[in-house]
Amino acid sequence: MFFMMGIMPIKKIIPYAYSHICSKCGEVCNIEITMIANCLNIFFIPLFIFGRHFYVKTSCCGTLYELDKNVGNDIRKGKNTVITEKDLTLISENFTPIKKCPNCGYEYDEDFEYCPKCGSKLR
């Protein structure tokens, strides 16, 4: 008999609707929660997910944190949970703020007075 099984990594973005005040840059920003785990598959059917890790990335300065597993599981299950500073472990700091045009959403990294894509005033 022939069995086709394997372990594959999975990545899932978990919706989170609360705003967060960034401890690095002080801006009010949205955060993106990502779950990374391994999944045991048999005949391409997922059977068992293990090794879950949760990561938080801020939209203001791009700082990356690892989120406490218990808090991450509560958010994944849909519980009304607020993330505090003690739930986060700093992984990487990126102090280059992501600048976006308020009109078209174009991301730029230099100091422009007008958007290079749509021409609207940025300041």
C-alpha atoms as a PDB file:
ATOM      1  CA  MET A   1       0.000   0.000   0.000  1.00  0.00           C
ATOM      2  CA  PHE A   2       1.241   3.504  -0.835  1.00  0.00           C
ATOM      3  CA  PHE A   3       0.781   6.445   1.575  1.00  0.00           C
ATOM      4  CA  MET A   4       1.578  10.019   0.669  1.00  0.00           C
ATOM      5  CA  MET A   5       2.188  12.075   3.783  1.00  0.00           C
ATOM      6  CA  GLY A   6       4.304  15.016   4.765  1.00  0.00           C
ATOM      7  CA  ILE A   7       4.755  18.029   6.988  1.00  0.00           C
ATOM      8  CA  MET A   8       4.201  21.430   5.429  1.00  0.00           C
ATOM      9  CA  PRO A   9       4.553  24.903   6.931  1.00  0.00           C
ATOM     10  CA  ILE A  10       1.464  27.094   6.964  1.00  0.00           C
ATOM     11  CA  LYS A  11       1.150  30.858   7.361  1.00  0.00           C
ATOM     12  CA  LYS A  12      -2.124  32.535   8.270  1.00  0.00           C
ATOM     13  CA  ILE A  13      -2.948  36.180   8.941  1.00  0.00           C
ATOM     14  CA  ILE A  14      -5.331  36.479  11.883  1.00  0.00           C
ATOM     15  CA  PRO A  15      -7.764  39.428  11.846  1.00  0.00           C
ATOM     16  CA  TYR A  16      -7.344  41.839  14.755  1.00  0.00           C
ATOM     17  CA  ALA A  17      -9.381  45.042  14.887  1.00  0.00           C
ATOM     18  CA  TYR A  18      -7.840  46.994  17.772  1.00  0.00           C
ATOM     19  CA  SER A  19      -5.480  49.961  17.379  1.00  0.00           C
ATOM     20  CA  HIS A  20      -2.167  49.854  19.200  1.00  0.00           C
ATOM     21  CA  ILE A  21       0.176  52.571  20.484  1.00  0.00           C
ATOM     22  CA  CYS A  22       3.659  51.595  19.355  1.00  0.00           C
ATOM     23  CA  SER A  23       6.204  51.610  22.176  1.00  0.00           C
ATOM     24  CA  LYS A  24       9.057  52.281  19.705  1.00  0.00           C
ATOM     25  CA  CYS A  25       7.801  55.274  17.709  1.00  0.00           C
ATOM     26  CA  GLY A  26       4.774  56.387  19.789  1.00  0.00           C
ATOM     27  CA  GLU A  27       2.363  56.367  16.841  1.00  0.00           C
ATOM     28  CA  VAL A  28      -1.136  54.935  16.942  1.00  0.00           C
ATOM     29  CA  CYS A  29      -1.103  52.120  14.404  1.00  0.00           C
ATOM     30  CA  ASN A  30      -2.739  48.924  13.304  1.00  0.00           C
ATOM     31  CA  ILE A  31      -1.051  45.618  13.930  1.00  0.00           C
ATOM     32  CA  GLU A  32      -0.955  42.502  11.802  1.00  0.00           C
ATOM     33  CA  ILE A  33      -0.949  39.138  13.570  1.00  0.00           C
ATOM     34  CA  THR A  34       0.535  36.199  11.679  1.00  0.00           C
ATOM     35  CA  MET A  35       0.419  32.572  12.776  1.00  0.00           C
ATOM     36  CA  ILE A  36       3.143  30.265  11.493  1.00  0.00           C
ATOM     37  CA  ALA A  37       2.803  26.536  12.182  1.00  0.00           C
ATOM     38  CA  ASN A  38       3.495  23.065  10.796  1.00  0.00           C
ATOM     39  CA  CYS A  39       0.786  20.809   9.432  1.00  0.00           C
ATOM     40  CA  LEU A  40       0.793  17.023   9.024  1.00  0.00           C
ATOM     41  CA  ASN A  41      -0.866  16.107   5.701  1.00  0.00           C
ATOM     42  CA  ILE A  42      -1.929  12.720   4.355  1.00  0.00           C
ATOM     43  CA  PHE A  43      -2.901  12.719   0.685  1.00  0.00           C
ATOM     44  CA  PHE A  44      -2.859  16.565   0.813  1.00  0.00           C
ATOM     45  CA  ILE A  45      -5.516  16.549   3.551  1.00  0.00           C
ATOM     46  CA  PRO A  46      -4.450  18.509   6.657  1.00  0.00           C
ATOM     47  CA  LEU A  47      -4.785  16.349   9.767  1.00  0.00           C
ATOM     48  CA  PHE A  48      -2.804  17.885  12.582  1.00  0.00           C
ATOM     49  CA  ILE A  49      -1.413  21.398  13.151  1.00  0.00           C
ATOM     50  CA  PHE A  50       1.459  21.763  15.603  1.00  0.00           C
ATOM     51  CA  GLY A  51       4.242  24.170  16.546  1.00  0.00           C
ATOM     52  CA  ARG A  52       2.174  27.357  16.400  1.00  0.00           C
ATOM     53  CA  HIS A  53       4.011  30.671  16.739  1.00  0.00           C
ATOM     54  CA  PHE A  54       2.343  34.073  16.612  1.00  0.00           C
ATOM     55  CA  TYR A  55       4.018  37.263  15.375  1.00  0.00           C
ATOM     56  CA  VAL A  56       2.890  40.897  15.525  1.00  0.00           C
ATOM     57  CA  LYS A  57       4.071  43.561  13.056  1.00  0.00           C
ATOM     58  CA  THR A  58       3.242  47.241  13.502  1.00  0.00           C
ATOM     59  CA  SER A  59       2.095  49.263  10.499  1.00  0.00           C
ATOM     60  CA  CYS A  60       3.803  52.478  11.658  1.00  0.00           C
ATOM     61  CA  CYS A  61       7.489  51.561  11.935  1.00  0.00           C
ATOM     62  CA  GLY A  62       7.547  47.873  11.003  1.00  0.00           C
ATOM     63  CA  THR A  63       8.666  46.597  14.416  1.00  0.00           C
ATOM     64  CA  LEU A  64       8.257  42.821  14.725  1.00  0.00           C
ATOM     65  CA  TYR A  65       7.306  41.062  17.968  1.00  0.00           C
ATOM     66  CA  GLU A  66       6.626  37.485  18.981  1.00  0.00           C
ATOM     67  CA  LEU A  67       3.236  37.203  20.676  1.00  0.00           C
ATOM     68  CA  ASP A  68       2.579  35.020  23.722  1.00  0.00           C
ATOM     69  CA  LYS A  69       1.103  31.688  22.565  1.00  0.00           C
ATOM     70  CA  ASN A  70      -1.851  31.795  24.972  1.00  0.00           C
ATOM     71  CA  VAL A  71      -2.862  35.281  23.835  1.00  0.00           C
ATOM     72  CA  GLY A  72      -2.357  34.312  20.188  1.00  0.00           C
ATOM     73  CA  ASN A  73      -4.546  31.226  20.590  1.00  0.00           C
ATOM     74  CA  ASP A  74      -7.271  33.310  22.260  1.00  0.00           C
ATOM     75  CA  ILE A  75      -7.255  35.781  19.347  1.00  0.00           C
ATOM     76  CA  ARG A  76      -7.223  32.918  16.829  1.00  0.00           C
ATOM     77  CA  LYS A  77     -10.280  31.402  18.508  1.00  0.00           C
ATOM     78  CA  GLY A  78     -12.145  34.725  18.271  1.00  0.00           C
ATOM     79  CA  LYS A  79     -12.015  35.746  21.927  1.00  0.00           C
ATOM     80  CA  ASN A  80     -12.119  39.455  22.704  1.00  0.00           C
ATOM     81  CA  THR A  81      -8.488  39.870  23.809  1.00  0.00           C
ATOM     82  CA  VAL A  82      -6.363  43.021  24.128  1.00  0.00           C
ATOM     83  CA  ILE A  83      -2.609  42.729  23.576  1.00  0.00           C
ATOM     84  CA  THR A  84      -0.433  44.334  26.259  1.00  0.00           C
ATOM     85  CA  GLU A  85       3.305  45.070  26.275  1.00  0.00           C
ATOM     86  CA  LYS A  86       4.004  42.061  28.531  1.00  0.00           C
ATOM     87  CA  ASP A  87       2.552  39.757  25.844  1.00  0.00           C
ATOM     88  CA  LEU A  88       5.120  40.921  23.259  1.00  0.00           C
ATOM     89  CA  THR A  89       8.777  39.919  22.869  1.00  0.00           C
ATOM     90  CA  LEU A  90      10.822  42.177  20.587  1.00  0.00           C
ATOM     91  CA  ILE A  91      12.370  40.438  17.579  1.00  0.00           C
ATOM     92  CA  SER A  92      13.333  43.193  15.162  1.00  0.00           C
ATOM     93  CA  GLU A  93      13.235  46.982  15.116  1.00  0.00           C
ATOM     94  CA  ASN A  94      12.756  48.819  11.860  1.00  0.00           C
ATOM     95  CA  PHE A  95      12.674  52.529  12.510  1.00  0.00           C
ATOM     96  CA  THR A  96      12.144  53.506   8.894  1.00  0.00           C
ATOM     97  CA  PRO A  97       8.499  54.524   8.943  1.00  0.00           C
ATOM     98  CA  ILE A  98       6.374  53.319   6.076  1.00  0.00           C
ATOM     99  CA  LYS A  99       5.194  56.403   4.248  1.00  0.00           C
ATOM    100  CA  LYS A 100       2.054  56.093   2.164  1.00  0.00           C
ATOM    101  CA  CYS A 101       0.204  58.543  -0.012  1.00  0.00           C
ATOM    102  CA  PRO A 102      -3.180  59.300   1.593  1.00  0.00           C
ATOM    103  CA  ASN A 103      -4.777  59.501  -1.862  1.00  0.00           C
ATOM    104  CA  CYS A 104      -3.524  56.403  -3.727  1.00  0.00           C
ATOM    105  CA  GLY A 105      -1.657  54.381  -1.065  1.00  0.00           C
ATOM    106  CA  TYR A 106       1.693  54.448  -2.893  1.00  0.00           C
ATOM    107  CA  GLU A 107       4.591  53.615  -0.540  1.00  0.00           C
ATOM    108  CA  TYR A 108       7.649  55.833  -0.798  1.00  0.00           C
ATOM    109  CA  ASP A 109      10.874  56.113   1.180  1.00  0.00           C
ATOM    110  CA  GLU A 110      12.181  59.592   0.370  1.00  0.00           C
ATOM    111  CA  ASP A 111      10.899  62.984   1.464  1.00  0.00           C
ATOM    112  CA  PHE A 112       8.566  64.085  -1.295  1.00  0.00           C
ATOM    113  CA  GLU A 113       6.228  67.051  -1.248  1.00  0.00           C
ATOM    114  CA  TYR A 114       3.993  65.477  -3.908  1.00  0.00           C
ATOM    115  CA  CYS A 115       3.228  61.817  -4.563  1.00  0.00           C
ATOM    116  CA  PRO A 116       5.402  60.411  -7.382  1.00  0.00           C
ATOM    117  CA  LYS A 117       2.524  58.226  -8.562  1.00  0.00           C
ATOM    118  CA  CYS A 118      -0.637  60.362  -8.474  1.00  0.00           C
ATOM    119  CA  GLY A 119       0.704  63.898  -7.878  1.00  0.00           C
ATOM    120  CA  SER A 120      -1.360  64.757  -4.790  1.00  0.00           C
ATOM    121  CA  LYS A 121       0.155  66.851  -2.004  1.00  0.00           C
ATOM    122  CA  LEU A 122       1.629  64.679   0.774  1.00  0.00           C
ATOM    123  CA  ARG A 123       1.905  67.163   3.650  1.00  0.00           C
END
